[in-house]
Amino acid sequence: MQSQPATADKTVKLLQGGDSLRRVWIVQRDDGVYVIKPEEWYQNVIEGELVAEGWKPIYGDFGLFGSADLAEREALVRLDWLMETLHPAV
């Protein structure tokens, strides 16, 4: 379940959601700028039969960052489900 995004850009880091159904790629574009690529796992079931599954973009690419660290911090701030992974409720 861990194929990289189909792009010529350089994948820098993968942040996984706690339920393993959502994730965020930190990617460096060809021009050196970093972007966030959130995805979620989907399954298409028709009449009880699995016909397709895979990762799909949630929001499309967003953000333009000067470093991978800045992109990661923004992902943690913007995506509540990702922050919950690092700091689960007690």
PDB file of N, CA and C in Angstrom:
ATOM      1  N   MET A   1       0.818  -1.204   0.000  1.00  0.00           N
ATOM      2  CA  MET A   1       0.000   0.000   0.000  1.00  0.00           C
ATOM      3  C   MET A   1       0.857   1.261   0.000  1.00  0.00           C
ATOM      4  N   GLN A   2       2.107   1.202  -0.448  1.00  0.00           N
ATOM      5  CA  GLN A   2       2.934   2.399  -0.331  1.00  0.00           C
ATOM      6  C   GLN A   2       3.592   2.766  -1.653  1.00  0.00           C
ATOM      7  N   SER A   3       2.843   2.950  -2.688  1.00  0.00           N
ATOM      8  CA  SER A   3       3.430   3.429  -3.932  1.00  0.00           C
ATOM      9  C   SER A   3       3.567   4.942  -3.871  1.00  0.00           C
ATOM     10  N   GLN A   4       4.635   5.442  -4.469  1.00  0.00           N
ATOM     11  CA  GLN A   4       4.890   6.879  -4.449  1.00  0.00           C
ATOM     12  C   GLN A   4       4.027   7.570  -5.493  1.00  0.00           C
ATOM     13  N   PRO A   5       3.825   8.886  -5.324  1.00  0.00           N
ATOM     14  CA  PRO A   5       3.019   9.616  -6.300  1.00  0.00           C
ATOM     15  C   PRO A   5       3.654   9.556  -7.684  1.00  0.00           C
ATOM     16  N   ALA A   6       2.827   9.488  -8.700  1.00  0.00           N
ATOM     17  CA  ALA A   6       3.314   9.436 -10.074  1.00  0.00           C
ATOM     18  C   ALA A   6       3.731  10.841 -10.504  1.00  0.00           C
ATOM     19  N   THR A   7       5.005  11.130 -10.401  1.00  0.00           N
ATOM     20  CA  THR A   7       5.498  12.456 -10.721  1.00  0.00           C
ATOM     21  C   THR A   7       6.995  12.407 -10.956  1.00  0.00           C
ATOM     22  N   ALA A   8       7.528  13.395 -11.643  1.00  0.00           N
ATOM     23  CA  ALA A   8       8.968  13.494 -11.832  1.00  0.00           C
ATOM     24  C   ALA A   8       9.610  14.215 -10.656  1.00  0.00           C
ATOM     25  N   ASP A   9       8.793  14.749  -9.752  1.00  0.00           N
ATOM     26  CA  ASP A   9       9.299  15.447  -8.583  1.00  0.00           C
ATOM     27  C   ASP A   9       9.951  14.451  -7.619  1.00  0.00           C
ATOM     28  N   LYS A  10      10.729  14.969  -6.681  1.00  0.00           N
ATOM     29  CA  LYS A  10      11.461  14.130  -5.728  1.00  0.00           C
ATOM     30  C   LYS A  10      10.672  13.990  -4.423  1.00  0.00           C
ATOM     31  N   THR A  11      10.324  12.767  -4.064  1.00  0.00           N
ATOM     32  CA  THR A  11       9.648  12.515  -2.806  1.00  0.00           C
ATOM     33  C   THR A  11      10.657  12.604  -1.674  1.00  0.00           C
ATOM     34  N   VAL A  12      10.336  13.418  -0.660  1.00  0.00           N
ATOM     35  CA  VAL A  12      11.256  13.658   0.441  1.00  0.00           C
ATOM     36  C   VAL A  12      10.839  12.890   1.696  1.00  0.00           C
ATOM     37  N   LYS A  13       9.535  12.887   2.003  1.00  0.00           N
ATOM     38  CA  LYS A  13       9.075  12.284   3.243  1.00  0.00           C
ATOM     39  C   LYS A  13       7.619  11.859   3.122  1.00  0.00           C
ATOM     40  N   LEU A  14       7.265  10.830   3.868  1.00  0.00           N
ATOM     41  CA  LEU A  14       5.893  10.356   3.939  1.00  0.00           C
ATOM     42  C   LEU A  14       5.420  10.453   5.383  1.00  0.00           C
ATOM     43  N   LEU A  15       4.294  11.133   5.607  1.00  0.00           N
ATOM     44  CA  LEU A  15       3.667  11.224   6.926  1.00  0.00           C
ATOM     45  C   LEU A  15       2.387  10.395   6.862  1.00  0.00           C
ATOM     46  N   GLN A  16       2.264   9.411   7.732  1.00  0.00           N
ATOM     47  CA  GLN A  16       1.138   8.482   7.689  1.00  0.00           C
ATOM     48  C   GLN A  16       0.127   8.825   8.761  1.00  0.00           C
ATOM     49  N   GLY A  17      -1.161   8.802   8.416  1.00  0.00           N
ATOM     50  CA  GLY A  17      -2.220   8.993   9.401  1.00  0.00           C
ATOM     51  C   GLY A  17      -2.316   7.777  10.310  1.00  0.00           C
ATOM     52  N   GLY A  18      -2.872   7.947  11.498  1.00  0.00           N
ATOM     53  CA  GLY A  18      -2.962   6.875  12.475  1.00  0.00           C
ATOM     54  C   GLY A  18      -3.775   5.682  12.018  1.00  0.00           C
ATOM     55  N   ASP A  19      -4.769   5.913  11.173  1.00  0.00           N
ATOM     56  CA  ASP A  19      -5.614   4.819  10.706  1.00  0.00           C
ATOM     57  C   ASP A  19      -5.052   4.155   9.441  1.00  0.00           C
ATOM     58  N   SER A  20      -3.907   4.615   8.967  1.00  0.00           N
ATOM     59  CA  SER A  20      -3.253   4.108   7.749  1.00  0.00           C
ATOM     60  C   SER A  20      -4.102   4.276   6.498  1.00  0.00           C
ATOM     61  N   LEU A  21      -5.150   5.082   6.583  1.00  0.00           N
ATOM     62  CA  LEU A  21      -6.009   5.322   5.433  1.00  0.00           C
ATOM     63  C   LEU A  21      -5.786   6.700   4.824  1.00  0.00           C
ATOM     64  N   ARG A  22      -4.962   7.501   5.486  1.00  0.00           N
ATOM     65  CA  ARG A  22      -4.611   8.821   4.960  1.00  0.00           C
ATOM     66  C   ARG A  22      -3.114   9.027   5.149  1.00  0.00           C
ATOM     67  N   ARG A  23      -2.545   9.762   4.216  1.00  0.00           N
ATOM     68  CA  ARG A  23      -1.116  10.037   4.284  1.00  0.00           C
ATOM     69  C   ARG A  23      -0.812  11.331   3.553  1.00  0.00           C
ATOM     70  N   VAL A  24       0.395  11.844   3.783  1.00  0.00           N
ATOM     71  CA  VAL A  24       0.833  13.081   3.146  1.00  0.00           C
ATOM     72  C   VAL A  24       2.252  12.881   2.638  1.00  0.00           C
ATOM     73  N   TRP A  25       2.434  13.162   1.370  1.00  0.00           N
ATOM     74  CA  TRP A  25       3.772  13.158   0.787  1.00  0.00           C
ATOM     75  C   TRP A  25       4.323  14.573   0.847  1.00  0.00           C
ATOM     76  N   ILE A  26       5.570  14.715   1.283  1.00  0.00           N
ATOM     77  CA  ILE A  26       6.297  15.976   1.166  1.00  0.00           C
ATOM     78  C   ILE A  26       7.168  15.800  -0.068  1.00  0.00           C
ATOM     79  N   VAL A  27       6.981  16.661  -1.046  1.00  0.00           N
ATOM     80  CA  VAL A  27       7.620  16.494  -2.352  1.00  0.00           C
ATOM     81  C   VAL A  27       8.371  17.758  -2.739  1.00  0.00           C
ATOM     82  N   GLN A  28       9.554  17.561  -3.284  1.00  0.00           N
ATOM     83  CA  GLN A  28      10.329  18.688  -3.821  1.00  0.00           C
ATOM     84  C   GLN A  28      10.123  18.722  -5.331  1.00  0.00           C
ATOM     85  N   ARG A  29       9.607  19.828  -5.810  1.00  0.00           N
ATOM     86  CA  ARG A  29       9.375  19.984  -7.243  1.00  0.00           C
ATOM     87  C   ARG A  29      10.696  20.202  -7.978  1.00  0.00           C
ATOM     88  N   ASP A  30      10.638  20.127  -9.280  1.00  0.00           N
ATOM     89  CA  ASP A  30      11.828  20.342 -10.111  1.00  0.00           C
ATOM     90  C   ASP A  30      12.455  21.714  -9.890  1.00  0.00           C
ATOM     91  N   ASP A  31      11.640  22.704  -9.513  1.00  0.00           N
ATOM     92  CA  ASP A  31      12.162  24.062  -9.304  1.00  0.00           C
ATOM     93  C   ASP A  31      12.716  24.270  -7.891  1.00  0.00           C
ATOM     94  N   GLY A  32      12.751  23.203  -7.062  1.00  0.00           N
ATOM     95  CA  GLY A  32      13.325  23.294  -5.731  1.00  0.00           C
ATOM     96  C   GLY A  32      12.335  23.631  -4.630  1.00  0.00           C
ATOM     97  N   VAL A  33      11.108  23.951  -4.977  1.00  0.00           N
ATOM     98  CA  VAL A  33      10.070  24.297  -4.009  1.00  0.00           C
ATOM     99  C   VAL A  33       9.419  23.003  -3.509  1.00  0.00           C
ATOM    100  N   TYR A  34       9.009  23.007  -2.238  1.00  0.00           N
ATOM    101  CA  TYR A  34       8.362  21.843  -1.631  1.00  0.00           C
ATOM    102  C   TYR A  34       6.851  22.042  -1.583  1.00  0.00           C
ATOM    103  N   VAL A  35       6.104  20.961  -1.790  1.00  0.00           N
ATOM    104  CA  VAL A  35       4.642  20.981  -1.708  1.00  0.00           C
ATOM    105  C   VAL A  35       4.174  19.791  -0.872  1.00  0.00           C
ATOM    106  N   ILE A  36       2.929  19.870  -0.453  1.00  0.00           N
ATOM    107  CA  ILE A  36       2.278  18.818   0.329  1.00  0.00           C
ATOM    108  C   ILE A  36       1.268  18.127  -0.576  1.00  0.00           C
ATOM    109  N   LYS A  37       1.284  16.786  -0.572  1.00  0.00           N
ATOM    110  CA  LYS A  37       0.348  16.007  -1.391  1.00  0.00           C
ATOM    111  C   LYS A  37      -0.413  15.025  -0.489  1.00  0.00           C
ATOM    112  N   PRO A  38      -1.553  15.442   0.069  1.00  0.00           N
ATOM    113  CA  PRO A  38      -2.348  14.534   0.913  1.00  0.00           C
ATOM    114  C   PRO A  38      -3.113  13.527   0.054  1.00  0.00           C
ATOM    115  N   GLU A  39      -3.209  12.298   0.549  1.00  0.00           N
ATOM    116  CA  GLU A  39      -3.941  11.236  -0.145  1.00  0.00           C
ATOM    117  C   GLU A  39      -4.746  10.430   0.860  1.00  0.00           C
ATOM    118  N   GLU A  40      -5.751   9.715   0.343  1.00  0.00           N
ATOM    119  CA  GLU A  40      -6.506   8.776   1.172  1.00  0.00           C
ATOM    120  C   GLU A  40      -6.720   7.476   0.411  1.00  0.00           C
ATOM    121  N   TRP A  41      -6.824   6.393   1.146  1.00  0.00           N
ATOM    122  CA  TRP A  41      -7.048   5.078   0.578  1.00  0.00           C
ATOM    123  C   TRP A  41      -8.534   4.918   0.291  1.00  0.00           C
ATOM    124  N   TYR A  42      -8.859   4.417  -0.877  1.00  0.00           N
ATOM    125  CA  TYR A  42     -10.267   4.196  -1.192  1.00  0.00           C
ATOM    126  C   TYR A  42     -10.467   2.761  -1.661  1.00  0.00           C
ATOM    127  N   GLN A  43     -11.681   2.296  -1.505  1.00  0.00           N
ATOM    128  CA  GLN A  43     -12.093   1.007  -2.042  1.00  0.00           C
ATOM    129  C   GLN A  43     -13.447   1.207  -2.694  1.00  0.00           C
ATOM    130  N   ASN A  44     -13.572   0.726  -3.908  1.00  0.00           N
ATOM    131  CA  ASN A  44     -14.828   0.805  -4.628  1.00  0.00           C
ATOM    132  C   ASN A  44     -15.434  -0.601  -4.638  1.00  0.00           C
ATOM    133  N   VAL A  45     -16.540  -0.751  -3.907  1.00  0.00           N
ATOM    134  CA  VAL A  45     -17.195  -2.049  -3.778  1.00  0.00           C
ATOM    135  C   VAL A  45     -18.561  -1.955  -4.447  1.00  0.00           C
ATOM    136  N   ILE A  46     -18.801  -2.858  -5.370  1.00  0.00           N
ATOM    137  CA  ILE A  46     -20.096  -2.910  -6.063  1.00  0.00           C
ATOM    138  C   ILE A  46     -20.709  -4.279  -5.815  1.00  0.00           C
ATOM    139  N   GLU A  47     -21.900  -4.271  -5.239  1.00  0.00           N
ATOM    140  CA  GLU A  47     -22.622  -5.499  -4.905  1.00  0.00           C
ATOM    141  C   GLU A  47     -21.744  -6.484  -4.146  1.00  0.00           C
ATOM    142  N   GLY A  48     -21.011  -5.952  -3.163  1.00  0.00           N
ATOM    143  CA  GLY A  48     -20.187  -6.789  -2.315  1.00  0.00           C
ATOM    144  C   GLY A  48     -18.857  -7.223  -2.905  1.00  0.00           C
ATOM    145  N   GLU A  49     -18.556  -6.799  -4.126  1.00  0.00           N
ATOM    146  CA  GLU A  49     -17.303  -7.196  -4.776  1.00  0.00           C
ATOM    147  C   GLU A  49     -16.380  -5.984  -4.910  1.00  0.00           C
ATOM    148  N   LEU A  50     -15.146  -6.158  -4.473  1.00  0.00           N
ATOM    149  CA  LEU A  50     -14.144  -5.108  -4.594  1.00  0.00           C
ATOM    150  C   LEU A  50     -13.714  -4.999  -6.056  1.00  0.00           C
ATOM    151  N   VAL A  51     -13.972  -3.831  -6.657  1.00  0.00           N
ATOM    152  CA  VAL A  51     -13.632  -3.652  -8.074  1.00  0.00           C
ATOM    153  C   VAL A  51     -12.438  -2.730  -8.281  1.00  0.00           C
ATOM    154  N   ALA A  52     -12.118  -1.922  -7.277  1.00  0.00           N
ATOM    155  CA  ALA A  52     -10.958  -1.027  -7.393  1.00  0.00           C
ATOM    156  C   ALA A  52     -10.551  -0.556  -6.009  1.00  0.00           C
ATOM    157  N   GLU A  53      -9.254  -0.324  -5.854  1.00  0.00           N
ATOM    158  CA  GLU A  53      -8.752   0.264  -4.620  1.00  0.00           C
ATOM    159  C   GLU A  53      -7.433   0.942  -4.919  1.00  0.00           C
ATOM    160  N   GLY A  54      -7.082   1.893  -4.080  1.00  0.00           N
ATOM    161  CA  GLY A  54      -5.820   2.592  -4.273  1.00  0.00           C
ATOM    162  C   GLY A  54      -5.806   3.926  -3.556  1.00  0.00           C
ATOM    163  N   TRP A  55      -4.743   4.670  -3.773  1.00  0.00           N
ATOM    164  CA  TRP A  55      -4.585   5.999  -3.173  1.00  0.00           C
ATOM    165  C   TRP A  55      -5.089   7.058  -4.132  1.00  0.00           C
ATOM    166  N   LYS A  56      -5.813   8.037  -3.587  1.00  0.00           N
ATOM    167  CA  LYS A  56      -6.286   9.154  -4.406  1.00  0.00           C
ATOM    168  C   LYS A  56      -5.968  10.461  -3.686  1.00  0.00           C
ATOM    169  N   PRO A  57      -5.695  11.510  -4.451  1.00  0.00           N
ATOM    170  CA  PRO A  57      -5.445  12.823  -3.837  1.00  0.00           C
ATOM    171  C   PRO A  57      -6.687  13.302  -3.092  1.00  0.00           C
ATOM    172  N   ILE A  58      -6.458  13.929  -1.950  1.00  0.00           N
ATOM    173  CA  ILE A  58      -7.578  14.475  -1.178  1.00  0.00           C
ATOM    174  C   ILE A  58      -7.873  15.898  -1.630  1.00  0.00           C
ATOM    175  N   TYR A  59      -6.874  16.765  -1.581  1.00  0.00           N
ATOM    176  CA  TYR A  59      -7.074  18.176  -1.884  1.00  0.00           C
ATOM    177  C   TYR A  59      -6.257  18.636  -3.083  1.00  0.00           C
ATOM    178  N   GLY A  60      -5.466  17.786  -3.654  1.00  0.00           N
ATOM    179  CA  GLY A  60      -4.500  18.222  -4.644  1.00  0.00           C
ATOM    180  C   GLY A  60      -3.279  18.785  -3.939  1.00  0.00           C
ATOM    181  N   ASP A  61      -2.281  19.168  -4.688  1.00  0.00           N
ATOM    182  CA  ASP A  61      -1.075  19.735  -4.081  1.00  0.00           C
ATOM    183  C   ASP A  61      -1.425  21.069  -3.445  1.00  0.00           C
ATOM    184  N   PHE A  62      -0.799  21.368  -2.316  1.00  0.00           N
ATOM    185  CA  PHE A  62      -0.966  22.716  -1.797  1.00  0.00           C
ATOM    186  C   PHE A  62       0.286  23.166  -1.077  1.00  0.00           C
ATOM    187  N   GLY A  63       0.412  24.471  -1.018  1.00  0.00           N
ATOM    188  CA  GLY A  63       1.540  25.091  -0.348  1.00  0.00           C
ATOM    189  C   GLY A  63       2.764  25.192  -1.234  1.00  0.00           C
ATOM    190  N   LEU A  64       3.536  26.201  -0.993  1.00  0.00           N
ATOM    191  CA  LEU A  64       4.847  26.387  -1.604  1.00  0.00           C
ATOM    192  C   LEU A  64       5.790  26.711  -0.463  1.00  0.00           C
ATOM    193  N   PHE A  65       6.745  25.826  -0.217  1.00  0.00           N
ATOM    194  CA  PHE A  65       7.599  25.952   0.957  1.00  0.00           C
ATOM    195  C   PHE A  65       9.062  25.926   0.549  1.00  0.00           C
ATOM    196  N   GLY A  66       9.891  26.616   1.323  1.00  0.00           N
ATOM    197  CA  GLY A  66      11.315  26.688   1.044  1.00  0.00           C
ATOM    198  C   GLY A  66      12.103  25.500   1.560  1.00  0.00           C
ATOM    199  N   SER A  67      11.484  24.686   2.425  1.00  0.00           N
ATOM    200  CA  SER A  67      12.176  23.509   2.942  1.00  0.00           C
ATOM    201  C   SER A  67      11.166  22.401   3.251  1.00  0.00           C
ATOM    202  N   ALA A  68      11.664  21.185   3.355  1.00  0.00           N
ATOM    203  CA  ALA A  68      10.809  20.053   3.710  1.00  0.00           C
ATOM    204  C   ALA A  68      10.280  20.202   5.132  1.00  0.00           C
ATOM    205  N   ASP A  69      11.086  20.757   6.041  1.00  0.00           N
ATOM    206  CA  ASP A  69      10.650  20.961   7.424  1.00  0.00           C
ATOM    207  C   ASP A  69       9.463  21.917   7.507  1.00  0.00           C
ATOM    208  N   LEU A  70       9.511  22.997   6.738  1.00  0.00           N
ATOM    209  CA  LEU A  70       8.380  23.936   6.721  1.00  0.00           C
ATOM    210  C   LEU A  70       7.125  23.268   6.169  1.00  0.00           C
ATOM    211  N   ALA A  71       7.276  22.467   5.128  1.00  0.00           N
ATOM    212  CA  ALA A  71       6.134  21.760   4.544  1.00  0.00           C
ATOM    213  C   ALA A  71       5.543  20.782   5.561  1.00  0.00           C
ATOM    214  N   GLU A  72       6.394  20.072   6.277  1.00  0.00           N
ATOM    215  CA  GLU A  72       5.912  19.121   7.281  1.00  0.00           C
ATOM    216  C   GLU A  72       5.171  19.843   8.402  1.00  0.00           C
ATOM    217  N   ARG A  73       5.716  20.941   8.887  1.00  0.00           N
ATOM    218  CA  ARG A  73       5.037  21.697   9.949  1.00  0.00           C
ATOM    219  C   ARG A  73       3.668  22.192   9.498  1.00  0.00           C
ATOM    220  N   GLU A  74       3.592  22.659   8.263  1.00  0.00           N
ATOM    221  CA  GLU A  74       2.301  23.131   7.740  1.00  0.00           C
ATOM    222  C   GLU A  74       1.298  21.982   7.645  1.00  0.00           C
ATOM    223  N   ALA A  75       1.754  20.820   7.206  1.00  0.00           N
ATOM    224  CA  ALA A  75       0.873  19.649   7.122  1.00  0.00           C
ATOM    225  C   ALA A  75       0.330  19.299   8.497  1.00  0.00           C
ATOM    226  N   LEU A  76       1.183  19.340   9.507  1.00  0.00           N
ATOM    227  CA  LEU A  76       0.751  19.011  10.871  1.00  0.00           C
ATOM    228  C   LEU A  76      -0.256  20.021  11.407  1.00  0.00           C
ATOM    229  N   VAL A  77      -0.099  21.280  11.043  1.00  0.00           N
ATOM    230  CA  VAL A  77      -1.018  22.324  11.501  1.00  0.00           C
ATOM    231  C   VAL A  77      -2.340  22.265  10.744  1.00  0.00           C
ATOM    232  N   ARG A  78      -2.286  22.046   9.439  1.00  0.00           N
ATOM    233  CA  ARG A  78      -3.485  22.102   8.594  1.00  0.00           C
ATOM    234  C   ARG A  78      -4.352  20.847   8.656  1.00  0.00           C
ATOM    235  N   LEU A  79      -3.728  19.688   8.839  1.00  0.00           N
ATOM    236  CA  LEU A  79      -4.449  18.420   8.744  1.00  0.00           C
ATOM    237  C   LEU A  79      -4.606  17.819  10.144  1.00  0.00           C
ATOM    238  N   ASP A  80      -5.777  18.055  10.740  1.00  0.00           N
ATOM    239  CA  ASP A  80      -6.031  17.599  12.110  1.00  0.00           C
ATOM    240  C   ASP A  80      -5.773  16.107  12.273  1.00  0.00           C
ATOM    241  N   TRP A  81      -6.185  15.318  11.306  1.00  0.00           N
ATOM    242  CA  TRP A  81      -6.031  13.868  11.406  1.00  0.00           C
ATOM    243  C   TRP A  81      -4.560  13.450  11.459  1.00  0.00           C
ATOM    244  N   LEU A  82      -3.687  14.255  10.923  1.00  0.00           N
ATOM    245  CA  LEU A  82      -2.266  13.942  10.967  1.00  0.00           C
ATOM    246  C   LEU A  82      -1.693  14.280  12.340  1.00  0.00           C
ATOM    247  N   MET A  83      -2.104  15.389  12.914  1.00  0.00           N
ATOM    248  CA  MET A  83      -1.633  15.778  14.242  1.00  0.00           C
ATOM    249  C   MET A  83      -2.112  14.785  15.287  1.00  0.00           C
ATOM    250  N   GLU A  84      -3.334  14.256  15.133  1.00  0.00           N
ATOM    251  CA  GLU A  84      -3.862  13.268  16.073  1.00  0.00           C
ATOM    252  C   GLU A  84      -3.009  12.007  16.087  1.00  0.00           C
ATOM    253  N   THR A  85      -2.348  11.728  14.983  1.00  0.00           N
ATOM    254  CA  THR A  85      -1.465  10.575  14.901  1.00  0.00           C
ATOM    255  C   THR A  85      -0.279  10.733  15.848  1.00  0.00           C
ATOM    256  N   LEU A  86       0.252  11.945  15.914  1.00  0.00           N
ATOM    257  CA  LEU A  86       1.416  12.198  16.746  1.00  0.00           C
ATOM    258  C   LEU A  86       1.060  12.423  18.201  1.00  0.00           C
ATOM    259  N   HIS A  87      -0.146  12.953  18.455  1.00  0.00           N
ATOM    260  CA  HIS A  87      -0.584  13.243  19.818  1.00  0.00           C
ATOM    261  C   HIS A  87      -1.988  12.693  20.029  1.00  0.00           C
ATOM    262  N   PRO A  88      -2.130  11.376  20.202  1.00  0.00           N
ATOM    263  CA  PRO A  88      -3.478  10.792  20.362  1.00  0.00           C
ATOM    264  C   PRO A  88      -4.162  11.280  21.637  1.00  0.00           C
ATOM    265  N   ALA A  89      -5.481  11.385  21.579  1.00  0.00           N
ATOM    266  CA  ALA A  89      -6.269  11.790  22.754  1.00  0.00           C
ATOM    267  C   ALA A  89      -6.200  10.696  23.802  1.00  0.00           C
ATOM    268  N   VAL A  90      -6.156  11.104  25.051  1.00  0.00           N
ATOM    269  CA  VAL A  90      -6.055  10.123  26.141  1.00  0.00           C
ATOM    270  C   VAL A  90      -7.415   9.877  26.741  1.00  0.00           C
TER     271      VAL A  90
END
